[in-house]
Every structure is written in C-alpha cells, then in structure tokens.
Amino acid sequence: MAAAESSFKIILGSSSMARQRILAEMRYEFTIMTADIDEKSIRKEKPEDLVTALAEAKAIAIMARLQHTDILKNVACPTLLITADTVVVYKGTIREKPCNEDEAREFIKGYSGGHAAVVGSVLVTNLNSGASKGGWESAEVYFHDIPNEVIDSLIDEGIPFKVAGGLMLEHPLTLPFVDAVIGATDTVMGLSKSLTEKLIEEALCQPGSSPRVQNMS
C-alpha cells in the first residue's frame, strides 16, 4: 500500500535513521515519536524474546505519552504505531549497542573474517482498535577481513555506538567488507519490509487482541 493510497496514518516509534529510510522506501508517510525507556532493564535469554519484549515496551511507553497529546483527536482514519528492535548474536552472545570504544573495537574485530546473526522484531499496534501484531526475523552476515584502519575510522565517526552490535551494514566503510547476507538486508538494517507489510495488514484487518509473535525466518 503506497502512501498516496493508504487510508491510515503511521507513527514510527524509532529515532533510527535506517528505519526511517526503509519506511520511506516503502512509500509510507509517517510521523516520529520515540520511547524513553531503560532498555538495559529488560533482559531475556533468547534474542528473539529480547527484541520482542523491547518492541512491546517501546509501544507501551509511546502509547502512554500519546494519552497526554492531541495527536489522536479528530482523526478519522486508523493510526498505526510501529515499534522495532534489533540485536546481533555473535557466537551465541547477544550484542546490543557497544558501551565504549574498546567494546566497539572488540565487536567489529570479531566479525572480521567471520559472521554474525541479526535478529529484528517489528510490532504494529492499531491505536484505534487495540489490535497488536508482532513478529521477528533473522539474517546472517558474513564478512571478509576488516582492516584495522577501517575499524579505526568507523569508531572515529561514532558509527558503532548508534547500532546494535556496532554493525551498520549499509555504511560505505562497512559495505565493501560484507561477503554475503543470508536473509533480508533490511532485517539487518533494522526493519524488515516484508514483515512490516504483513503486520500492517493484520493490524488493520483483525480486531483487538494480545500481541502475537511469529517467526518469519
């Protein structure tokens, strides 16, 4: 459904430039509202459970904020809230955004000549009906050897601190060293297009219910 044809509004609950770019590529118009939550306070052993819980927590926080605004007043068409989260899994360990330069360097050096998995969730909440539909996808990224000078440049630009696992696939410094992606590239970037489209349709068509989590890998 292109933006010109859509009969609903979208709020993207993310400050991620990659997610904003992906949603724009899908030809949707949207407004942005971010969640003020302590992500480190939400812990799960399995990466798919963690990204699902974080997307749900973001949605809850944003809906609480919306209650104190006029955004939803006098809106004739449905409004959908899209929240998402992404983590990297390396050798069985969940990696979120690196905390400091040493951790960022450790993360990227680990990927050099190796591979990592990316797990990303999407949650679409229909703010009118209460229907909430969620799912997750995973992908694997294989890397060539990444030179130390490239790692230094990435850290100097502050790139690793903005993304889960310090991994920004689409960055011009990173992309030449990507050997292969098994799965959808947009999943790695933070928002699966196919999953988002599917969940939008479900949230619009089905009555209110509890979030349903689906593995789309």
N, C-alpha and C. Protein backbone atom coordinates (compact mmCIF):
# COMPACT_ATOMS: atom_id res chain seq x y z
N MET A 1 0.84 -1.19 0.00
CA MET A 1 0.00 0.00 0.00
C MET A 1 0.88 1.24 0.00
N ALA A 2 0.85 2.00 -1.04
CA ALA A 2 1.64 3.22 -1.12
C ALA A 2 1.01 4.30 -0.26
N ALA A 3 1.84 5.30 0.09
CA ALA A 3 1.36 6.35 0.96
C ALA A 3 0.16 7.07 0.37
N ALA A 4 0.20 7.29 -0.95
CA ALA A 4 -0.88 8.03 -1.59
C ALA A 4 -2.19 7.25 -1.54
N GLU A 5 -2.10 5.94 -1.40
CA GLU A 5 -3.29 5.11 -1.43
C GLU A 5 -3.77 4.72 -0.03
N SER A 6 -2.93 4.92 0.97
CA SER A 6 -3.25 4.41 2.30
C SER A 6 -4.37 5.21 2.94
N SER A 7 -5.18 4.50 3.72
CA SER A 7 -6.29 5.14 4.42
C SER A 7 -6.03 5.09 5.92
N PHE A 8 -4.78 5.17 6.29
CA PHE A 8 -4.40 5.14 7.70
C PHE A 8 -3.15 5.98 7.91
N LYS A 9 -2.91 6.32 9.14
CA LYS A 9 -1.71 7.10 9.49
C LYS A 9 -0.73 6.20 10.22
N ILE A 10 0.55 6.54 10.14
CA ILE A 10 1.60 5.76 10.80
C ILE A 10 2.42 6.64 11.71
N ILE A 11 2.66 6.14 12.92
CA ILE A 11 3.64 6.73 13.83
C ILE A 11 4.78 5.73 13.94
N LEU A 12 5.98 6.14 13.59
CA LEU A 12 7.15 5.28 13.74
C LEU A 12 7.79 5.56 15.09
N GLY A 13 7.80 4.56 15.94
CA GLY A 13 8.36 4.73 17.28
C GLY A 13 9.84 4.46 17.32
N SER A 14 10.61 5.23 16.56
CA SER A 14 12.05 5.00 16.48
C SER A 14 12.76 6.25 15.98
N SER A 15 13.94 6.49 16.52
CA SER A 15 14.78 7.59 16.04
C SER A 15 15.81 7.09 15.03
N SER A 16 15.79 5.79 14.73
CA SER A 16 16.76 5.19 13.82
C SER A 16 16.59 5.75 12.41
N MET A 17 17.69 6.31 11.88
CA MET A 17 17.64 6.84 10.52
C MET A 17 17.44 5.71 9.51
N ALA A 18 18.00 4.55 9.79
CA ALA A 18 17.84 3.41 8.88
C ALA A 18 16.37 2.99 8.80
N ARG A 19 15.71 2.90 9.95
CA ARG A 19 14.29 2.52 9.94
C ARG A 19 13.44 3.57 9.24
N GLN A 20 13.75 4.82 9.46
CA GLN A 20 13.02 5.89 8.78
C GLN A 20 13.22 5.81 7.28
N ARG A 21 14.44 5.52 6.85
CA ARG A 21 14.74 5.41 5.43
C ARG A 21 14.01 4.22 4.80
N ILE A 22 13.98 3.10 5.51
CA ILE A 22 13.31 1.91 4.99
C ILE A 22 11.81 2.15 4.85
N LEU A 23 11.20 2.76 5.86
CA LEU A 23 9.76 3.02 5.81
C LEU A 23 9.43 4.00 4.69
N ALA A 24 10.32 4.97 4.47
CA ALA A 24 10.12 5.92 3.37
C ALA A 24 10.26 5.21 2.02
N GLU A 25 11.19 4.25 1.93
CA GLU A 25 11.35 3.47 0.70
C GLU A 25 10.10 2.66 0.40
N MET A 26 9.36 2.30 1.46
CA MET A 26 8.11 1.56 1.29
C MET A 26 6.96 2.49 0.87
N ARG A 27 7.29 3.76 0.71
CA ARG A 27 6.35 4.80 0.25
C ARG A 27 5.26 5.10 1.27
N TYR A 28 5.62 5.01 2.53
CA TYR A 28 4.70 5.40 3.59
C TYR A 28 5.09 6.78 4.11
N GLU A 29 4.08 7.56 4.43
CA GLU A 29 4.30 8.81 5.16
C GLU A 29 4.10 8.51 6.64
N PHE A 30 4.87 9.17 7.49
CA PHE A 30 4.79 8.86 8.91
C PHE A 30 5.32 10.01 9.75
N THR A 31 4.90 10.00 10.99
CA THR A 31 5.47 10.90 11.98
C THR A 31 6.33 10.07 12.93
N ILE A 32 7.19 10.72 13.68
CA ILE A 32 8.13 10.02 14.54
C ILE A 32 7.87 10.39 16.01
N MET A 33 7.86 9.38 16.83
CA MET A 33 7.77 9.57 18.27
C MET A 33 8.63 8.50 18.93
N THR A 34 9.52 8.90 19.82
CA THR A 34 10.43 7.93 20.43
C THR A 34 10.01 7.57 21.84
N ALA A 35 10.46 6.41 22.28
CA ALA A 35 10.13 5.91 23.62
C ALA A 35 11.29 6.18 24.57
N ASP A 36 10.98 6.67 25.73
CA ASP A 36 12.00 6.91 26.74
C ASP A 36 11.97 5.76 27.74
N ILE A 37 12.69 4.69 27.41
CA ILE A 37 12.71 3.52 28.29
C ILE A 37 14.15 3.12 28.59
N ASP A 38 14.34 2.42 29.68
CA ASP A 38 15.65 1.89 30.03
C ASP A 38 15.74 0.48 29.43
N GLU A 39 16.34 0.40 28.25
CA GLU A 39 16.38 -0.89 27.55
C GLU A 39 17.19 -1.93 28.32
N LYS A 40 18.18 -1.48 29.07
CA LYS A 40 19.04 -2.41 29.81
C LYS A 40 18.28 -3.09 30.96
N SER A 41 17.14 -2.51 31.35
CA SER A 41 16.37 -3.10 32.45
C SER A 41 15.52 -4.27 31.97
N ILE A 42 15.43 -4.45 30.65
CA ILE A 42 14.66 -5.55 30.07
C ILE A 42 15.63 -6.60 29.57
N ARG A 43 15.64 -7.77 30.20
CA ARG A 43 16.60 -8.82 29.85
C ARG A 43 15.87 -10.12 29.54
N LYS A 44 16.28 -10.79 28.49
CA LYS A 44 15.78 -12.10 28.12
C LYS A 44 16.96 -12.95 27.66
N GLU A 45 16.86 -14.25 27.86
CA GLU A 45 17.96 -15.12 27.46
C GLU A 45 18.02 -15.31 25.95
N LYS A 46 16.87 -15.43 25.30
CA LYS A 46 16.83 -15.67 23.86
C LYS A 46 16.73 -14.33 23.12
N PRO A 47 17.50 -14.16 22.04
CA PRO A 47 17.48 -12.89 21.32
C PRO A 47 16.10 -12.53 20.77
N GLU A 48 15.36 -13.54 20.27
CA GLU A 48 14.04 -13.25 19.73
C GLU A 48 13.07 -12.79 20.83
N ASP A 49 13.23 -13.33 22.04
CA ASP A 49 12.40 -12.88 23.16
C ASP A 49 12.77 -11.46 23.58
N LEU A 50 14.07 -11.15 23.52
CA LEU A 50 14.53 -9.81 23.92
C LEU A 50 14.02 -8.74 22.97
N VAL A 51 14.19 -8.95 21.67
CA VAL A 51 13.75 -7.92 20.72
C VAL A 51 12.24 -7.77 20.73
N THR A 52 11.53 -8.86 20.98
CA THR A 52 10.07 -8.79 21.08
C THR A 52 9.65 -7.98 22.30
N ALA A 53 10.28 -8.26 23.44
CA ALA A 53 9.95 -7.55 24.68
C ALA A 53 10.28 -6.06 24.57
N LEU A 54 11.40 -5.73 23.91
CA LEU A 54 11.79 -4.33 23.78
C LEU A 54 10.84 -3.57 22.85
N ALA A 55 10.42 -4.20 21.77
CA ALA A 55 9.46 -3.55 20.87
C ALA A 55 8.13 -3.30 21.58
N GLU A 56 7.71 -4.25 22.41
CA GLU A 56 6.46 -4.09 23.17
C GLU A 56 6.61 -2.99 24.22
N ALA A 57 7.76 -2.93 24.89
CA ALA A 57 7.98 -1.89 25.90
C ALA A 57 7.98 -0.50 25.28
N LYS A 58 8.56 -0.39 24.10
CA LYS A 58 8.57 0.89 23.39
C LYS A 58 7.15 1.30 23.04
N ALA A 59 6.34 0.35 22.57
CA ALA A 59 4.96 0.66 22.22
C ALA A 59 4.17 1.13 23.42
N ILE A 60 4.34 0.45 24.54
CA ILE A 60 3.62 0.81 25.76
C ILE A 60 4.00 2.22 26.21
N ALA A 61 5.30 2.52 26.15
CA ALA A 61 5.77 3.85 26.57
C ALA A 61 5.23 4.95 25.67
N ILE A 62 5.22 4.70 24.38
CA ILE A 62 4.72 5.71 23.44
C ILE A 62 3.22 5.90 23.57
N MET A 63 2.49 4.80 23.76
CA MET A 63 1.03 4.93 23.95
C MET A 63 0.71 5.72 25.21
N ALA A 64 1.53 5.57 26.24
CA ALA A 64 1.33 6.35 27.46
C ALA A 64 1.55 7.84 27.19
N ARG A 65 2.54 8.14 26.38
CA ARG A 65 2.80 9.54 26.02
C ARG A 65 1.66 10.11 25.18
N LEU A 66 1.12 9.29 24.29
CA LEU A 66 0.06 9.76 23.40
C LEU A 66 -1.20 10.17 24.16
N GLN A 67 -1.40 9.58 25.32
CA GLN A 67 -2.58 9.92 26.12
C GLN A 67 -2.57 11.37 26.58
N HIS A 68 -1.38 11.97 26.57
CA HIS A 68 -1.24 13.36 27.02
C HIS A 68 -1.06 14.34 25.86
N THR A 69 -1.38 13.88 24.64
CA THR A 69 -1.27 14.76 23.47
C THR A 69 -2.61 14.81 22.74
N ASP A 70 -2.66 15.64 21.71
CA ASP A 70 -3.86 15.76 20.88
C ASP A 70 -3.69 15.05 19.54
N ILE A 71 -2.64 14.23 19.41
CA ILE A 71 -2.30 13.62 18.13
C ILE A 71 -3.44 12.77 17.59
N LEU A 72 -4.13 12.04 18.46
CA LEU A 72 -5.16 11.12 18.01
C LEU A 72 -6.56 11.72 18.00
N LYS A 73 -6.68 12.98 18.41
CA LYS A 73 -8.00 13.60 18.44
C LYS A 73 -8.44 14.00 17.03
N ASN A 74 -9.70 13.80 16.75
CA ASN A 74 -10.30 14.19 15.47
C ASN A 74 -9.61 13.53 14.27
N VAL A 75 -9.12 12.31 14.47
CA VAL A 75 -8.50 11.54 13.38
C VAL A 75 -9.53 10.54 12.87
N ALA A 76 -9.92 10.69 11.60
CA ALA A 76 -10.98 9.85 11.05
C ALA A 76 -10.50 8.46 10.65
N CYS A 77 -9.23 8.33 10.29
CA CYS A 77 -8.73 7.05 9.82
C CYS A 77 -7.88 6.37 10.90
N PRO A 78 -7.67 5.06 10.78
CA PRO A 78 -6.86 4.34 11.77
C PRO A 78 -5.43 4.89 11.86
N THR A 79 -4.87 4.81 13.06
CA THR A 79 -3.47 5.20 13.27
C THR A 79 -2.70 4.00 13.76
N LEU A 80 -1.61 3.69 13.08
CA LEU A 80 -0.79 2.54 13.43
C LEU A 80 0.53 3.01 14.04
N LEU A 81 0.90 2.38 15.13
CA LEU A 81 2.19 2.64 15.77
C LEU A 81 3.13 1.48 15.45
N ILE A 82 4.29 1.78 14.87
CA ILE A 82 5.27 0.76 14.53
C ILE A 82 6.49 0.91 15.44
N THR A 83 6.78 -0.14 16.19
CA THR A 83 7.99 -0.15 17.01
C THR A 83 8.82 -1.37 16.61
N ALA A 84 10.10 -1.31 16.89
CA ALA A 84 11.01 -2.38 16.45
C ALA A 84 12.24 -2.41 17.34
N ASP A 85 12.95 -3.53 17.28
CA ASP A 85 14.23 -3.62 17.97
C ASP A 85 15.11 -4.65 17.25
N THR A 86 16.41 -4.48 17.39
CA THR A 86 17.36 -5.35 16.71
C THR A 86 18.54 -5.65 17.63
N VAL A 87 19.00 -6.88 17.61
CA VAL A 87 20.24 -7.25 18.30
C VAL A 87 21.09 -8.09 17.35
N VAL A 88 22.37 -8.14 17.66
CA VAL A 88 23.31 -9.01 16.93
C VAL A 88 23.66 -10.17 17.85
N VAL A 89 23.76 -11.34 17.28
CA VAL A 89 24.17 -12.52 18.04
C VAL A 89 25.50 -13.02 17.47
N TYR A 90 26.52 -13.02 18.31
CA TYR A 90 27.85 -13.45 17.88
C TYR A 90 28.34 -14.57 18.80
N LYS A 91 28.55 -15.73 18.21
CA LYS A 91 28.98 -16.91 18.96
C LYS A 91 28.07 -17.17 20.16
N GLY A 92 26.77 -17.02 19.94
CA GLY A 92 25.79 -17.31 20.98
C GLY A 92 25.56 -16.21 21.99
N THR A 93 26.27 -15.09 21.84
CA THR A 93 26.13 -13.98 22.79
C THR A 93 25.36 -12.83 22.16
N ILE A 94 24.38 -12.30 22.88
CA ILE A 94 23.59 -11.18 22.40
C ILE A 94 24.40 -9.89 22.52
N ARG A 95 24.45 -9.14 21.44
CA ARG A 95 25.14 -7.85 21.45
C ARG A 95 24.18 -6.73 21.11
N GLU A 96 24.14 -5.73 21.98
CA GLU A 96 23.37 -4.52 21.71
C GLU A 96 24.36 -3.43 21.31
N LYS A 97 24.03 -2.18 21.49
CA LYS A 97 24.96 -1.11 21.13
C LYS A 97 26.18 -1.17 22.05
N PRO A 98 27.40 -1.07 21.50
CA PRO A 98 28.59 -1.09 22.34
C PRO A 98 28.62 0.10 23.29
N CYS A 99 29.15 -0.14 24.49
CA CYS A 99 29.14 0.89 25.53
C CYS A 99 30.32 1.85 25.43
N ASN A 100 31.42 1.39 24.84
CA ASN A 100 32.61 2.23 24.78
C ASN A 100 33.46 1.83 23.58
N GLU A 101 34.56 2.55 23.39
CA GLU A 101 35.42 2.32 22.23
C GLU A 101 36.03 0.93 22.24
N ASP A 102 36.47 0.47 23.40
CA ASP A 102 37.08 -0.86 23.48
C ASP A 102 36.10 -1.95 23.08
N GLU A 103 34.86 -1.81 23.56
CA GLU A 103 33.85 -2.82 23.22
C GLU A 103 33.51 -2.77 21.73
N ALA A 104 33.44 -1.56 21.19
CA ALA A 104 33.15 -1.41 19.77
C ALA A 104 34.24 -2.07 18.92
N ARG A 105 35.48 -1.86 19.31
CA ARG A 105 36.60 -2.45 18.58
C ARG A 105 36.57 -3.98 18.68
N GLU A 106 36.26 -4.48 19.87
CA GLU A 106 36.16 -5.93 20.08
C GLU A 106 35.06 -6.52 19.21
N PHE A 107 33.92 -5.84 19.16
CA PHE A 107 32.80 -6.32 18.36
C PHE A 107 33.20 -6.46 16.89
N ILE A 108 33.73 -5.38 16.31
CA ILE A 108 34.00 -5.36 14.87
C ILE A 108 35.14 -6.31 14.52
N LYS A 109 36.17 -6.38 15.36
CA LYS A 109 37.28 -7.30 15.10
C LYS A 109 36.78 -8.75 15.10
N GLY A 110 35.78 -9.02 15.93
CA GLY A 110 35.21 -10.37 15.97
C GLY A 110 34.52 -10.74 14.66
N TYR A 111 33.90 -9.75 14.00
CA TYR A 111 33.21 -10.03 12.75
C TYR A 111 34.19 -10.23 11.59
N SER A 112 35.37 -9.64 11.70
CA SER A 112 36.36 -9.69 10.62
C SER A 112 36.69 -11.13 10.25
N GLY A 113 36.43 -11.48 9.00
CA GLY A 113 36.68 -12.83 8.54
C GLY A 113 35.73 -13.87 9.10
N GLY A 114 34.67 -13.40 9.77
CA GLY A 114 33.71 -14.32 10.39
C GLY A 114 32.29 -13.96 10.03
N HIS A 115 31.36 -14.28 10.92
CA HIS A 115 29.96 -13.97 10.64
C HIS A 115 29.20 -13.74 11.94
N ALA A 116 28.05 -13.13 11.80
CA ALA A 116 27.17 -12.86 12.95
C ALA A 116 25.73 -12.95 12.49
N ALA A 117 24.85 -13.22 13.41
CA ALA A 117 23.41 -13.24 13.12
C ALA A 117 22.77 -11.95 13.61
N VAL A 118 21.73 -11.53 12.94
CA VAL A 118 20.96 -10.35 13.33
C VAL A 118 19.52 -10.79 13.54
N VAL A 119 18.95 -10.42 14.67
CA VAL A 119 17.56 -10.74 14.97
C VAL A 119 16.80 -9.42 15.17
N GLY A 120 15.75 -9.24 14.40
CA GLY A 120 14.99 -7.99 14.49
C GLY A 120 13.50 -8.23 14.64
N SER A 121 12.88 -7.46 15.51
CA SER A 121 11.44 -7.57 15.73
C SER A 121 10.71 -6.37 15.14
N VAL A 122 9.43 -6.57 14.85
CA VAL A 122 8.54 -5.49 14.44
C VAL A 122 7.22 -5.69 15.18
N LEU A 123 6.66 -4.61 15.71
CA LEU A 123 5.35 -4.65 16.36
C LEU A 123 4.50 -3.53 15.79
N VAL A 124 3.34 -3.88 15.26
CA VAL A 124 2.42 -2.89 14.72
C VAL A 124 1.17 -2.88 15.59
N THR A 125 0.87 -1.73 16.17
CA THR A 125 -0.28 -1.57 17.06
C THR A 125 -1.29 -0.62 16.45
N ASN A 126 -2.51 -1.10 16.29
CA ASN A 126 -3.59 -0.26 15.80
C ASN A 126 -4.14 0.51 17.00
N LEU A 127 -3.88 1.80 17.03
CA LEU A 127 -4.24 2.61 18.20
C LEU A 127 -5.74 2.84 18.30
N ASN A 128 -6.48 2.55 17.25
CA ASN A 128 -7.93 2.70 17.29
C ASN A 128 -8.61 1.44 17.79
N SER A 129 -8.22 0.28 17.26
CA SER A 129 -8.88 -0.98 17.63
C SER A 129 -8.19 -1.69 18.78
N GLY A 130 -6.93 -1.36 19.01
CA GLY A 130 -6.17 -2.07 20.05
C GLY A 130 -5.48 -3.31 19.54
N ALA A 131 -5.70 -3.69 18.26
CA ALA A 131 -5.04 -4.87 17.70
C ALA A 131 -3.54 -4.64 17.65
N SER A 132 -2.79 -5.64 18.11
CA SER A 132 -1.34 -5.53 18.16
C SER A 132 -0.74 -6.80 17.57
N LYS A 133 0.03 -6.64 16.50
CA LYS A 133 0.58 -7.79 15.78
C LYS A 133 2.10 -7.67 15.70
N GLY A 134 2.79 -8.71 16.15
CA GLY A 134 4.24 -8.66 16.17
C GLY A 134 4.89 -9.89 15.58
N GLY A 135 6.14 -9.77 15.22
CA GLY A 135 6.90 -10.89 14.70
C GLY A 135 8.38 -10.56 14.70
N TRP A 136 9.18 -11.53 14.31
CA TRP A 136 10.63 -11.29 14.23
C TRP A 136 11.21 -12.06 13.05
N GLU A 137 12.34 -11.56 12.58
CA GLU A 137 13.07 -12.21 11.51
C GLU A 137 14.55 -12.26 11.88
N SER A 138 15.27 -13.14 11.24
CA SER A 138 16.72 -13.20 11.46
C SER A 138 17.45 -13.29 10.13
N ALA A 139 18.70 -12.88 10.14
CA ALA A 139 19.55 -12.95 8.96
C ALA A 139 20.98 -13.17 9.43
N GLU A 140 21.83 -13.65 8.54
CA GLU A 140 23.24 -13.84 8.87
C GLU A 140 24.09 -13.01 7.92
N VAL A 141 25.15 -12.44 8.48
CA VAL A 141 26.07 -11.61 7.69
C VAL A 141 27.47 -12.21 7.78
N TYR A 142 28.07 -12.44 6.62
CA TYR A 142 29.43 -12.98 6.54
C TYR A 142 30.37 -11.87 6.05
N PHE A 143 31.53 -11.77 6.69
CA PHE A 143 32.46 -10.69 6.40
C PHE A 143 33.80 -11.18 5.86
N HIS A 144 34.39 -10.35 4.99
CA HIS A 144 35.80 -10.50 4.65
C HIS A 144 36.60 -9.95 5.84
N ASP A 145 37.90 -10.07 5.77
CA ASP A 145 38.74 -9.45 6.80
C ASP A 145 38.58 -7.93 6.75
N ILE A 146 38.38 -7.33 7.92
CA ILE A 146 38.19 -5.88 8.01
C ILE A 146 39.49 -5.26 8.54
N PRO A 147 40.15 -4.42 7.75
CA PRO A 147 41.43 -3.81 8.18
C PRO A 147 41.27 -2.95 9.43
N ASN A 148 42.33 -2.89 10.23
CA ASN A 148 42.30 -2.11 11.46
C ASN A 148 42.02 -0.64 11.19
N GLU A 149 42.54 -0.12 10.05
CA GLU A 149 42.32 1.30 9.77
C GLU A 149 40.84 1.59 9.48
N VAL A 150 40.13 0.62 8.92
CA VAL A 150 38.70 0.79 8.69
C VAL A 150 37.95 0.79 10.02
N ILE A 151 38.35 -0.11 10.91
CA ILE A 151 37.73 -0.16 12.24
C ILE A 151 37.97 1.16 12.97
N ASP A 152 39.20 1.69 12.87
CA ASP A 152 39.52 2.97 13.50
C ASP A 152 38.64 4.09 12.95
N SER A 153 38.45 4.09 11.63
CA SER A 153 37.64 5.15 11.01
C SER A 153 36.19 5.07 11.44
N LEU A 154 35.66 3.84 11.53
CA LEU A 154 34.28 3.66 11.98
C LEU A 154 34.10 4.19 13.40
N ILE A 155 35.06 3.86 14.26
CA ILE A 155 34.97 4.30 15.66
C ILE A 155 35.12 5.82 15.75
N ASP A 156 36.03 6.38 14.95
CA ASP A 156 36.23 7.84 14.96
C ASP A 156 34.95 8.57 14.55
N GLU A 157 34.18 7.97 13.63
CA GLU A 157 32.92 8.58 13.20
C GLU A 157 31.79 8.33 14.20
N GLY A 158 32.02 7.43 15.16
CA GLY A 158 30.99 7.12 16.16
C GLY A 158 29.91 6.19 15.65
N ILE A 159 30.15 5.53 14.51
CA ILE A 159 29.14 4.68 13.88
C ILE A 159 28.73 3.50 14.77
N PRO A 160 29.68 2.76 15.37
CA PRO A 160 29.28 1.56 16.12
C PRO A 160 28.37 1.83 17.30
N PHE A 161 28.41 3.05 17.84
CA PHE A 161 27.63 3.36 19.04
C PHE A 161 26.17 3.65 18.75
N LYS A 162 25.83 3.70 17.45
CA LYS A 162 24.46 4.03 17.05
C LYS A 162 23.62 2.80 16.73
N VAL A 163 24.28 1.63 16.62
CA VAL A 163 23.57 0.45 16.13
C VAL A 163 23.90 -0.79 16.96
N ALA A 164 22.96 -1.73 16.97
CA ALA A 164 23.15 -2.97 17.71
C ALA A 164 24.38 -3.72 17.21
N GLY A 165 25.20 -4.17 18.14
CA GLY A 165 26.39 -4.93 17.79
C GLY A 165 27.45 -4.11 17.09
N GLY A 166 27.27 -2.79 17.01
CA GLY A 166 28.21 -1.93 16.32
C GLY A 166 28.23 -2.18 14.82
N LEU A 167 27.17 -2.79 14.30
CA LEU A 167 27.15 -3.27 12.93
C LEU A 167 26.20 -2.45 12.06
N MET A 168 26.76 -1.52 11.26
CA MET A 168 25.95 -0.76 10.31
C MET A 168 26.31 -1.24 8.91
N LEU A 169 25.53 -2.20 8.44
CA LEU A 169 25.82 -2.88 7.19
C LEU A 169 25.93 -1.92 6.01
N GLU A 170 25.06 -0.91 5.97
CA GLU A 170 24.96 -0.06 4.79
C GLU A 170 26.00 1.05 4.76
N HIS A 171 26.80 1.19 5.80
CA HIS A 171 27.79 2.28 5.83
C HIS A 171 28.85 2.05 4.75
N PRO A 172 29.27 3.11 4.04
CA PRO A 172 30.26 2.95 2.96
C PRO A 172 31.58 2.32 3.40
N LEU A 173 31.94 2.47 4.66
CA LEU A 173 33.17 1.85 5.14
C LEU A 173 32.99 0.36 5.41
N THR A 174 31.77 -0.04 5.75
CA THR A 174 31.49 -1.44 6.10
C THR A 174 31.15 -2.28 4.88
N LEU A 175 30.35 -1.73 3.99
CA LEU A 175 29.77 -2.49 2.89
C LEU A 175 30.79 -3.25 2.03
N PRO A 176 31.96 -2.66 1.71
CA PRO A 176 32.91 -3.41 0.87
C PRO A 176 33.44 -4.69 1.51
N PHE A 177 33.27 -4.82 2.82
CA PHE A 177 33.81 -5.99 3.51
C PHE A 177 32.73 -7.01 3.87
N VAL A 178 31.52 -6.79 3.33
CA VAL A 178 30.44 -7.76 3.51
C VAL A 178 30.56 -8.81 2.41
N ASP A 179 30.76 -10.05 2.80
CA ASP A 179 30.90 -11.15 1.84
C ASP A 179 29.54 -11.63 1.36
N ALA A 180 28.61 -11.83 2.30
CA ALA A 180 27.28 -12.32 1.92
C ALA A 180 26.29 -12.05 3.04
N VAL A 181 25.04 -11.90 2.65
CA VAL A 181 23.94 -11.78 3.61
C VAL A 181 22.96 -12.91 3.33
N ILE A 182 22.72 -13.73 4.32
CA ILE A 182 21.75 -14.81 4.19
C ILE A 182 20.48 -14.36 4.90
N GLY A 183 19.50 -13.95 4.10
CA GLY A 183 18.29 -13.37 4.66
C GLY A 183 18.08 -11.99 4.04
N ALA A 184 17.17 -11.23 4.60
CA ALA A 184 16.83 -9.91 4.05
C ALA A 184 17.78 -8.83 4.59
N THR A 185 18.32 -8.03 3.68
CA THR A 185 19.22 -6.95 4.08
C THR A 185 18.51 -5.94 4.97
N ASP A 186 17.22 -5.67 4.71
CA ASP A 186 16.51 -4.69 5.53
C ASP A 186 16.30 -5.18 6.95
N THR A 187 16.29 -6.51 7.15
CA THR A 187 16.25 -7.03 8.52
C THR A 187 17.51 -6.64 9.27
N VAL A 188 18.65 -6.75 8.59
CA VAL A 188 19.93 -6.38 9.20
C VAL A 188 19.95 -4.89 9.50
N MET A 189 19.34 -4.10 8.64
CA MET A 189 19.35 -2.64 8.80
C MET A 189 18.36 -2.16 9.85
N GLY A 190 17.45 -3.03 10.29
CA GLY A 190 16.59 -2.65 11.42
C GLY A 190 15.10 -2.73 11.22
N LEU A 191 14.64 -2.98 9.98
CA LEU A 191 13.19 -3.05 9.77
C LEU A 191 12.90 -3.89 8.54
N SER A 192 12.37 -5.10 8.76
CA SER A 192 12.03 -5.99 7.66
C SER A 192 10.83 -5.44 6.90
N LYS A 193 11.00 -5.20 5.61
CA LYS A 193 9.89 -4.67 4.81
C LYS A 193 8.75 -5.67 4.70
N SER A 194 9.08 -6.92 4.40
CA SER A 194 8.03 -7.92 4.20
C SER A 194 7.24 -8.18 5.48
N LEU A 195 7.95 -8.26 6.59
CA LEU A 195 7.27 -8.49 7.87
C LEU A 195 6.42 -7.29 8.26
N THR A 196 6.95 -6.09 8.05
CA THR A 196 6.20 -4.88 8.38
C THR A 196 4.91 -4.79 7.57
N GLU A 197 5.01 -5.07 6.27
CA GLU A 197 3.81 -5.04 5.42
C GLU A 197 2.76 -6.04 5.92
N LYS A 198 3.21 -7.23 6.24
CA LYS A 198 2.29 -8.28 6.70
C LYS A 198 1.59 -7.87 8.01
N LEU A 199 2.35 -7.31 8.93
CA LEU A 199 1.79 -6.94 10.22
C LEU A 199 0.86 -5.73 10.12
N ILE A 200 1.17 -4.82 9.20
CA ILE A 200 0.27 -3.69 8.96
C ILE A 200 -1.09 -4.20 8.49
N GLU A 201 -1.07 -5.12 7.56
CA GLU A 201 -2.33 -5.68 7.06
C GLU A 201 -3.11 -6.38 8.17
N GLU A 202 -2.41 -7.15 9.01
CA GLU A 202 -3.08 -7.86 10.10
C GLU A 202 -3.65 -6.89 11.13
N ALA A 203 -2.88 -5.86 11.46
CA ALA A 203 -3.35 -4.90 12.47
C ALA A 203 -4.56 -4.12 11.99
N LEU A 204 -4.65 -3.92 10.67
CA LEU A 204 -5.79 -3.19 10.11
C LEU A 204 -7.02 -4.07 9.98
N CYS A 205 -6.80 -5.35 9.68
CA CYS A 205 -7.92 -6.23 9.35
C CYS A 205 -8.52 -6.98 10.53
N GLN A 206 -7.72 -7.18 11.58
CA GLN A 206 -8.19 -8.02 12.68
C GLN A 206 -8.58 -7.18 13.89
N PRO A 207 -9.54 -7.66 14.67
CA PRO A 207 -9.96 -6.94 15.88
C PRO A 207 -8.88 -6.97 16.94
N GLY A 208 -9.05 -6.18 17.96
CA GLY A 208 -8.07 -6.08 19.03
C GLY A 208 -7.78 -7.41 19.68
N SER A 209 -6.51 -7.63 20.01
CA SER A 209 -6.09 -8.86 20.66
C SER A 209 -4.72 -8.66 21.27
N SER A 210 -4.26 -9.67 21.98
CA SER A 210 -2.93 -9.59 22.55
C SER A 210 -1.90 -9.76 21.44
N PRO A 211 -0.66 -9.24 21.63
CA PRO A 211 0.37 -9.37 20.60
C PRO A 211 0.62 -10.84 20.27
N ARG A 212 0.74 -11.11 18.98
CA ARG A 212 1.05 -12.47 18.54
C ARG A 212 2.43 -12.47 17.90
N VAL A 213 3.30 -13.30 18.38
CA VAL A 213 4.68 -13.30 17.90
C VAL A 213 4.87 -14.41 16.89
N GLN A 214 5.46 -14.07 15.75
CA GLN A 214 5.65 -15.04 14.69
C GLN A 214 7.11 -15.03 14.27
N ASN A 215 7.67 -16.20 14.01
CA ASN A 215 8.99 -16.32 13.46
C ASN A 215 8.86 -16.34 11.95
N MET A 216 9.39 -15.30 11.29
CA MET A 216 9.26 -15.18 9.83
C MET A 216 10.54 -15.59 9.13
N SER A 217 11.52 -16.19 9.85
CA SER A 217 12.79 -16.55 9.24
C SER A 217 12.62 -17.75 8.33
